PDB file of N, CA and C in Angstrom:
ATOM      1  N   MET A   1       0.842  -1.171   0.000  1.00  0.00           N
ATOM      2  CA  MET A   1       0.000   0.000   0.000  1.00  0.00           C
ATOM      3  C   MET A   1       0.893   1.242   0.000  1.00  0.00           C
ATOM      4  N   ALA A   2       0.656   2.138  -0.906  1.00  0.00           N
ATOM      5  CA  ALA A   2       1.446   3.364  -1.006  1.00  0.00           C
ATOM      6  C   ALA A   2       0.742   4.489  -0.259  1.00  0.00           C
ATOM      7  N   MET A   3       1.540   5.304   0.393  1.00  0.00           N
ATOM      8  CA  MET A   3       1.015   6.465   1.111  1.00  0.00           C
ATOM      9  C   MET A   3       1.295   7.702   0.265  1.00  0.00           C
ATOM     10  N   GLY A   4       0.433   8.677   0.389  1.00  0.00           N
ATOM     11  CA  GLY A   4       0.665   9.931  -0.296  1.00  0.00           C
ATOM     12  C   GLY A   4       1.495  10.860   0.571  1.00  0.00           C
ATOM     13  N   PRO A   5       2.023  11.919   0.003  1.00  0.00           N
ATOM     14  CA  PRO A   5       2.814  12.871   0.772  1.00  0.00           C
ATOM     15  C   PRO A   5       2.030  13.427   1.965  1.00  0.00           C
ATOM     16  N   GLY A   6       2.737  13.679   3.048  1.00  0.00           N
ATOM     17  CA  GLY A   6       2.130  14.263   4.230  1.00  0.00           C
ATOM     18  C   GLY A   6       1.753  13.260   5.304  1.00  0.00           C
ATOM     19  N   PHE A   7       2.150  12.015   5.166  1.00  0.00           N
ATOM     20  CA  PHE A   7       1.775  11.012   6.153  1.00  0.00           C
ATOM     21  C   PHE A   7       2.668  11.090   7.401  1.00  0.00           C
ATOM     22  N   ILE A   8       2.189  10.488   8.480  1.00  0.00           N
ATOM     23  CA  ILE A   8       2.911  10.453   9.757  1.00  0.00           C
ATOM     24  C   ILE A   8       3.307   9.011  10.047  1.00  0.00           C
ATOM     25  N   VAL A   9       4.541   8.803  10.442  1.00  0.00           N
ATOM     26  CA  VAL A   9       5.023   7.482  10.844  1.00  0.00           C
ATOM     27  C   VAL A   9       4.991   7.422  12.367  1.00  0.00           C
ATOM     28  N   VAL A  10       4.371   6.372  12.901  1.00  0.00           N
ATOM     29  CA  VAL A  10       4.346   6.148  14.348  1.00  0.00           C
ATOM     30  C   VAL A  10       5.149   4.888  14.624  1.00  0.00           C
ATOM     31  N   THR A  11       6.170   5.022  15.470  1.00  0.00           N
ATOM     32  CA  THR A  11       7.016   3.902  15.854  1.00  0.00           C
ATOM     33  C   THR A  11       6.842   3.668  17.338  1.00  0.00           C
ATOM     34  N   ASP A  12       6.290   2.532  17.682  1.00  0.00           N
ATOM     35  CA  ASP A  12       6.023   2.199  19.073  1.00  0.00           C
ATOM     36  C   ASP A  12       7.060   1.198  19.563  1.00  0.00           C
ATOM     37  N   LEU A  13       8.009   1.683  20.347  1.00  0.00           N
ATOM     38  CA  LEU A  13       9.076   0.829  20.882  1.00  0.00           C
ATOM     39  C   LEU A  13       8.871   0.552  22.368  1.00  0.00           C
ATOM     40  N   ALA A  14       7.645   0.684  22.835  1.00  0.00           N
ATOM     41  CA  ALA A  14       7.350   0.524  24.254  1.00  0.00           C
ATOM     42  C   ALA A  14       7.713  -0.858  24.774  1.00  0.00           C
ATOM     43  N   ASP A  15       7.566  -1.880  23.958  1.00  0.00           N
ATOM     44  CA  ASP A  15       7.836  -3.240  24.405  1.00  0.00           C
ATOM     45  C   ASP A  15       9.199  -3.759  23.963  1.00  0.00           C
ATOM     46  N   LEU A  16       9.985  -2.911  23.349  1.00  0.00           N
ATOM     47  CA  LEU A  16      11.299  -3.328  22.857  1.00  0.00           C
ATOM     48  C   LEU A  16      12.266  -3.566  24.011  1.00  0.00           C
ATOM     49  N   GLU A  17      12.861  -4.722  24.028  1.00  0.00           N
ATOM     50  CA  GLU A  17      13.867  -5.052  25.040  1.00  0.00           C
ATOM     51  C   GLU A  17      15.274  -4.839  24.506  1.00  0.00           C
ATOM     52  N   ARG A  18      15.497  -5.256  23.260  1.00  0.00           N
ATOM     53  CA  ARG A  18      16.808  -5.077  22.634  1.00  0.00           C
ATOM     54  C   ARG A  18      16.662  -5.175  21.131  1.00  0.00           C
ATOM     55  N   MET A  19      17.643  -4.638  20.435  1.00  0.00           N
ATOM     56  CA  MET A  19      17.644  -4.692  18.981  1.00  0.00           C
ATOM     57  C   MET A  19      19.067  -4.975  18.525  1.00  0.00           C
ATOM     58  N   GLU A  20      19.207  -5.895  17.623  1.00  0.00           N
ATOM     59  CA  GLU A  20      20.522  -6.272  17.110  1.00  0.00           C
ATOM     60  C   GLU A  20      21.005  -5.253  16.075  1.00  0.00           C
ATOM     61  N   LEU A  21      22.305  -5.111  15.951  1.00  0.00           N
ATOM     62  CA  LEU A  21      22.883  -4.200  14.960  1.00  0.00           C
ATOM     63  C   LEU A  21      22.518  -4.588  13.532  1.00  0.00           C
ATOM     64  N   ASP A  22      22.206  -5.852  13.317  1.00  0.00           N
ATOM     65  CA  ASP A  22      21.813  -6.302  11.978  1.00  0.00           C
ATOM     66  C   ASP A  22      20.558  -5.600  11.480  1.00  0.00           C
ATOM     67  N   CYS A  23      19.806  -4.982  12.384  1.00  0.00           N
ATOM     68  CA  CYS A  23      18.574  -4.282  12.003  1.00  0.00           C
ATOM     69  C   CYS A  23      18.845  -2.920  11.371  1.00  0.00           C
ATOM     70  N   VAL A  24      20.005  -2.356  11.611  1.00  0.00           N
ATOM     71  CA  VAL A  24      20.289  -0.988  11.174  1.00  0.00           C
ATOM     72  C   VAL A  24      20.067  -0.787   9.677  1.00  0.00           C
ATOM     73  N   PRO A  25      20.575  -1.653   8.809  1.00  0.00           N
ATOM     74  CA  PRO A  25      20.329  -1.411   7.373  1.00  0.00           C
ATOM     75  C   PRO A  25      18.844  -1.402   7.016  1.00  0.00           C
ATOM     76  N   HIS A  26      18.061  -2.237   7.681  1.00  0.00           N
ATOM     77  CA  HIS A  26      16.622  -2.283   7.397  1.00  0.00           C
ATOM     78  C   HIS A  26      15.929  -1.009   7.894  1.00  0.00           C
ATOM     79  N   VAL A  27      16.312  -0.552   9.073  1.00  0.00           N
ATOM     80  CA  VAL A  27      15.723   0.666   9.631  1.00  0.00           C
ATOM     81  C   VAL A  27      16.083   1.867   8.768  1.00  0.00           C
ATOM     82  N   THR A  28      17.339   1.973   8.373  1.00  0.00           N
ATOM     83  CA  THR A  28      17.756   3.123   7.568  1.00  0.00           C
ATOM     84  C   THR A  28      17.106   3.096   6.189  1.00  0.00           C
ATOM     85  N   ARG A  29      16.915   1.916   5.630  1.00  0.00           N
ATOM     86  CA  ARG A  29      16.236   1.809   4.334  1.00  0.00           C
ATOM     87  C   ARG A  29      14.787   2.295   4.465  1.00  0.00           C
ATOM     88  N   LEU A  30      14.136   1.928   5.562  1.00  0.00           N
ATOM     89  CA  LEU A  30      12.769   2.420   5.797  1.00  0.00           C
ATOM     90  C   LEU A  30      12.745   3.932   5.944  1.00  0.00           C
ATOM     91  N   MET A  31      13.693   4.482   6.702  1.00  0.00           N
ATOM     92  CA  MET A  31      13.754   5.939   6.883  1.00  0.00           C
ATOM     93  C   MET A  31      13.887   6.639   5.536  1.00  0.00           C
ATOM     94  N   ASP A  32      14.755   6.124   4.690  1.00  0.00           N
ATOM     95  CA  ASP A  32      14.950   6.719   3.366  1.00  0.00           C
ATOM     96  C   ASP A  32      13.684   6.611   2.515  1.00  0.00           C
ATOM     97  N   ARG A  33      12.970   5.496   2.636  1.00  0.00           N
ATOM     98  CA  ARG A  33      11.711   5.337   1.888  1.00  0.00           C
ATOM     99  C   ARG A  33      10.645   6.298   2.407  1.00  0.00           C
ATOM    100  N   PHE A  34      10.631   6.513   3.722  1.00  0.00           N
ATOM    101  CA  PHE A  34       9.674   7.475   4.290  1.00  0.00           C
ATOM    102  C   PHE A  34       9.925   8.863   3.706  1.00  0.00           C
ATOM    103  N   VAL A  35      11.196   9.264   3.662  1.00  0.00           N
ATOM    104  CA  VAL A  35      11.535  10.584   3.112  1.00  0.00           C
ATOM    105  C   VAL A  35      11.129  10.664   1.642  1.00  0.00           C
ATOM    106  N   ALA A  36      11.468   9.647   0.882  1.00  0.00           N
ATOM    107  CA  ALA A  36      11.132   9.636  -0.548  1.00  0.00           C
ATOM    108  C   ALA A  36       9.622   9.662  -0.760  1.00  0.00           C
ATOM    109  N   GLY A  37       8.877   9.066   0.164  1.00  0.00           N
ATOM    110  CA  GLY A  37       7.429   9.022   0.032  1.00  0.00           C
ATOM    111  C   GLY A  37       6.707  10.256   0.524  1.00  0.00           C
ATOM    112  N   GLY A  38       7.441  11.173   1.168  1.00  0.00           N
ATOM    113  CA  GLY A  38       6.828  12.428   1.603  1.00  0.00           C
ATOM    114  C   GLY A  38       6.353  12.457   3.041  1.00  0.00           C
ATOM    115  N   VAL A  39       7.037  11.707   3.918  1.00  0.00           N
ATOM    116  CA  VAL A  39       6.653  11.729   5.333  1.00  0.00           C
ATOM    117  C   VAL A  39       6.658  13.158   5.855  1.00  0.00           C
ATOM    118  N   ASN A  40       5.667  13.467   6.678  1.00  0.00           N
ATOM    119  CA  ASN A  40       5.521  14.815   7.221  1.00  0.00           C
ATOM    120  C   ASN A  40       6.016  14.914   8.667  1.00  0.00           C
ATOM    121  N   LYS A  41       5.972  13.777   9.396  1.00  0.00           N
ATOM    122  CA  LYS A  41       6.325  13.791  10.808  1.00  0.00           C
ATOM    123  C   LYS A  41       6.568  12.355  11.265  1.00  0.00           C
ATOM    124  N   VAL A  42       7.462  12.204  12.251  1.00  0.00           N
ATOM    125  CA  VAL A  42       7.721  10.904  12.860  1.00  0.00           C
ATOM    126  C   VAL A  42       7.421  11.022  14.341  1.00  0.00           C
ATOM    127  N   VAL A  43       6.582  10.111  14.832  1.00  0.00           N
ATOM    128  CA  VAL A  43       6.222  10.064  16.249  1.00  0.00           C
ATOM    129  C   VAL A  43       6.737   8.749  16.799  1.00  0.00           C
ATOM    130  N   ARG A  44       7.469   8.823  17.898  1.00  0.00           N
ATOM    131  CA  ARG A  44       8.021   7.616  18.522  1.00  0.00           C
ATOM    132  C   ARG A  44       7.533   7.482  19.947  1.00  0.00           C
ATOM    133  N   VAL A  45       7.331   6.238  20.366  1.00  0.00           N
ATOM    134  CA  VAL A  45       7.036   5.931  21.759  1.00  0.00           C
ATOM    135  C   VAL A  45       8.239   5.162  22.290  1.00  0.00           C
ATOM    136  N   ILE A  46       8.984   5.805  23.184  1.00  0.00           N
ATOM    137  CA  ILE A  46      10.148   5.188  23.814  1.00  0.00           C
ATOM    138  C   ILE A  46      10.085   5.539  25.299  1.00  0.00           C
ATOM    139  N   PRO A  47       9.562   4.613  26.119  1.00  0.00           N
ATOM    140  CA  PRO A  47       9.381   4.910  27.550  1.00  0.00           C
ATOM    141  C   PRO A  47      10.679   5.227  28.291  1.00  0.00           C
ATOM    142  N   ASP A  48      11.748   4.562  27.926  1.00  0.00           N
ATOM    143  CA  ASP A  48      13.031   4.749  28.599  1.00  0.00           C
ATOM    144  C   ASP A  48      14.004   5.382  27.610  1.00  0.00           C
ATOM    145  N   PRO A  49      14.353   6.656  27.792  1.00  0.00           N
ATOM    146  CA  PRO A  49      15.253   7.332  26.847  1.00  0.00           C
ATOM    147  C   PRO A  49      16.596   6.611  26.669  1.00  0.00           C
ATOM    148  N   ASP A  50      17.000   5.820  27.657  1.00  0.00           N
ATOM    149  CA  ASP A  50      18.250   5.067  27.533  1.00  0.00           C
ATOM    150  C   ASP A  50      18.143   3.933  26.512  1.00  0.00           C
ATOM    151  N   LYS A  51      16.922   3.615  26.102  1.00  0.00           N
ATOM    152  CA  LYS A  51      16.714   2.563  25.106  1.00  0.00           C
ATOM    153  C   LYS A  51      16.478   3.136  23.717  1.00  0.00           C
ATOM    154  N   ASP A  52      16.919   4.359  23.501  1.00  0.00           N
ATOM    155  CA  ASP A  52      16.753   4.989  22.191  1.00  0.00           C
ATOM    156  C   ASP A  52      17.452   4.172  21.108  1.00  0.00           C
ATOM    157  N   ILE A  53      18.470   3.431  21.443  1.00  0.00           N
ATOM    158  CA  ILE A  53      19.232   2.544  20.552  1.00  0.00           C
ATOM    159  C   ILE A  53      19.684   3.200  19.245  1.00  0.00           C
ATOM    160  N   GLY A  54      19.918   4.483  19.276  1.00  0.00           N
ATOM    161  CA  GLY A  54      20.486   5.158  18.115  1.00  0.00           C
ATOM    162  C   GLY A  54      19.502   5.771  17.145  1.00  0.00           C
ATOM    163  N   PHE A  55      18.209   5.747  17.452  1.00  0.00           N
ATOM    164  CA  PHE A  55      17.246   6.324  16.526  1.00  0.00           C
ATOM    165  C   PHE A  55      17.464   7.819  16.329  1.00  0.00           C
ATOM    166  N   ASN A  56      17.843   8.527  17.380  1.00  0.00           N
ATOM    167  CA  ASN A  56      18.095   9.966  17.221  1.00  0.00           C
ATOM    168  C   ASN A  56      19.240  10.216  16.253  1.00  0.00           C
ATOM    169  N   LEU A  57      20.311   9.458  16.379  1.00  0.00           N
ATOM    170  CA  LEU A  57      21.452   9.614  15.474  1.00  0.00           C
ATOM    171  C   LEU A  57      21.062   9.242  14.043  1.00  0.00           C
ATOM    172  N   LEU A  58      20.356   8.144  13.875  1.00  0.00           N
ATOM    173  CA  LEU A  58      19.913   7.744  12.542  1.00  0.00           C
ATOM    174  C   LEU A  58      18.983   8.795  11.934  1.00  0.00           C
ATOM    175  N   SER A  59      18.131   9.388  12.764  1.00  0.00           N
ATOM    176  CA  SER A  59      17.212  10.421  12.278  1.00  0.00           C
ATOM    177  C   SER A  59      17.968  11.635  11.770  1.00  0.00           C
ATOM    178  N   MET A  60      19.008  12.038  12.499  1.00  0.00           N
ATOM    179  CA  MET A  60      19.802  13.190  12.054  1.00  0.00           C
ATOM    180  C   MET A  60      20.425  12.921  10.697  1.00  0.00           C
ATOM    181  N   THR A  61      20.870  11.704  10.493  1.00  0.00           N
ATOM    182  CA  THR A  61      21.529  11.352   9.238  1.00  0.00           C
ATOM    183  C   THR A  61      20.539  11.212   8.084  1.00  0.00           C
ATOM    184  N   HIS A  62      19.415  10.560   8.337  1.00  0.00           N
ATOM    185  CA  HIS A  62      18.502  10.239   7.236  1.00  0.00           C
ATOM    186  C   HIS A  62      17.403  11.267   7.025  1.00  0.00           C
ATOM    187  N   TYR A  63      16.997  11.959   8.078  1.00  0.00           N
ATOM    188  CA  TYR A  63      15.967  12.994   7.921  1.00  0.00           C
ATOM    189  C   TYR A  63      16.584  14.373   7.776  1.00  0.00           C
ATOM    190  N   ARG A  64      17.828  14.524   8.180  1.00  0.00           N
ATOM    191  CA  ARG A  64      18.612  15.758   8.017  1.00  0.00           C
ATOM    192  C   ARG A  64      17.884  17.016   8.462  1.00  0.00           C
ATOM    193  N   GLY A  65      17.120  16.899   9.538  1.00  0.00           N
ATOM    194  CA  GLY A  65      16.435  18.062  10.083  1.00  0.00           C
ATOM    195  C   GLY A  65      15.225  18.515   9.288  1.00  0.00           C
ATOM    196  N   ARG A  66      14.893  17.816   8.220  1.00  0.00           N
ATOM    197  CA  ARG A  66      13.753  18.201   7.380  1.00  0.00           C
ATOM    198  C   ARG A  66      12.439  17.633   7.896  1.00  0.00           C
ATOM    199  N   ILE A  67      12.521  16.567   8.669  1.00  0.00           N
ATOM    200  CA  ILE A  67      11.326  15.886   9.159  1.00  0.00           C
ATOM    201  C   ILE A  67      11.274  16.031  10.673  1.00  0.00           C
ATOM    202  N   PRO A  68      10.212  16.601  11.227  1.00  0.00           N
ATOM    203  CA  PRO A  68      10.116  16.687  12.685  1.00  0.00           C
ATOM    204  C   PRO A  68       9.949  15.296  13.301  1.00  0.00           C
ATOM    205  N   VAL A  69      10.713  15.053  14.346  1.00  0.00           N
ATOM    206  CA  VAL A  69      10.644  13.791  15.074  1.00  0.00           C
ATOM    207  C   VAL A  69      10.308  14.119  16.521  1.00  0.00           C
ATOM    208  N   VAL A  70       9.232  13.525  17.030  1.00  0.00           N
ATOM    209  CA  VAL A  70       8.790  13.772  18.397  1.00  0.00           C
ATOM    210  C   VAL A  70       8.748  12.437  19.125  1.00  0.00           C
ATOM    211  N   THR A  71       9.327  12.405  20.324  1.00  0.00           N
ATOM    212  CA  THR A  71       9.347  11.176  21.110  1.00  0.00           C
ATOM    213  C   THR A  71       8.539  11.372  22.385  1.00  0.00           C
ATOM    214  N   TYR A  72       7.689  10.391  22.660  1.00  0.00           N
ATOM    215  CA  TYR A  72       6.865  10.394  23.868  1.00  0.00           C
ATOM    216  C   TYR A  72       7.197   9.169  24.711  1.00  0.00           C
ATOM    217  N   ARG A  73       6.936   9.280  26.003  1.00  0.00           N
ATOM    218  CA  ARG A  73       7.210   8.169  26.913  1.00  0.00           C
ATOM    219  C   ARG A  73       6.083   7.144  26.948  1.00  0.00           C
ATOM    220  N   THR A  74       4.864   7.549  26.601  1.00  0.00           N
ATOM    221  CA  THR A  74       3.739   6.616  26.648  1.00  0.00           C
ATOM    222  C   THR A  74       2.951   6.648  25.347  1.00  0.00           C
ATOM    223  N   ARG A  75       2.240   5.571  25.107  1.00  0.00           N
ATOM    224  CA  ARG A  75       1.365   5.498  23.942  1.00  0.00           C
ATOM    225  C   ARG A  75       0.250   6.527  24.046  1.00  0.00           C
ATOM    226  N   GLU A  76      -0.226   6.728  25.265  1.00  0.00           N
ATOM    227  CA  GLU A  76      -1.324   7.682  25.477  1.00  0.00           C
ATOM    228  C   GLU A  76      -0.891   9.105  25.115  1.00  0.00           C
ATOM    229  N   GLU A  77       0.339   9.479  25.490  1.00  0.00           N
ATOM    230  CA  GLU A  77       0.847  10.807  25.132  1.00  0.00           C
ATOM    231  C   GLU A  77       0.950  10.953  23.620  1.00  0.00           C
ATOM    232  N   ALA A  78       1.461   9.930  22.965  1.00  0.00           N
ATOM    233  CA  ALA A  78       1.601   9.970  21.514  1.00  0.00           C
ATOM    234  C   ALA A  78       0.243  10.057  20.844  1.00  0.00           C
ATOM    235  N   GLU A  79      -0.695   9.255  21.310  1.00  0.00           N
ATOM    236  CA  GLU A  79      -2.036   9.258  20.738  1.00  0.00           C
ATOM    237  C   GLU A  79      -2.711  10.619  20.913  1.00  0.00           C
ATOM    238  N   ALA A  80      -2.548  11.213  22.086  1.00  0.00           N
ATOM    239  CA  ALA A  80      -3.136  12.534  22.331  1.00  0.00           C
ATOM    240  C   ALA A  80      -2.536  13.584  21.407  1.00  0.00           C
ATOM    241  N   ALA A  81      -1.244  13.467  21.122  1.00  0.00           N
ATOM    242  CA  ALA A  81      -0.588  14.431  20.243  1.00  0.00           C
ATOM    243  C   ALA A  81      -1.039  14.273  18.799  1.00  0.00           C
ATOM    244  N   LEU A  82      -1.500  13.106  18.437  1.00  0.00           N
ATOM    245  CA  LEU A  82      -1.925  12.850  17.059  1.00  0.00           C
ATOM    246  C   LEU A  82      -3.361  13.277  16.790  1.00  0.00           C
ATOM    247  N   THR A  83      -4.127  13.516  17.851  1.00  0.00           N
ATOM    248  CA  THR A  83      -5.525  13.881  17.651  1.00  0.00           C
ATOM    249  C   THR A  83      -5.721  15.368  17.756  1.00  0.00           C
TER     250      THR A  83
END
């Protein structure tokens, strides 16, 4: 399914315990596809900032400050921000 320009990506990492480095190429490929497809905003749920696992660094590289990225500690906060 293709999205039109202006869509929002929601990444819910609330239940994430760990992520292997082998995932990085897949995550970065998705980030690049989001940009190419016209993503307007990225919303993340990361309850523990220490478990960011490099998403902020990857975002700086792949979104280059063009795409706003907002991180919330709970799903409820993220959901409220989307409505």
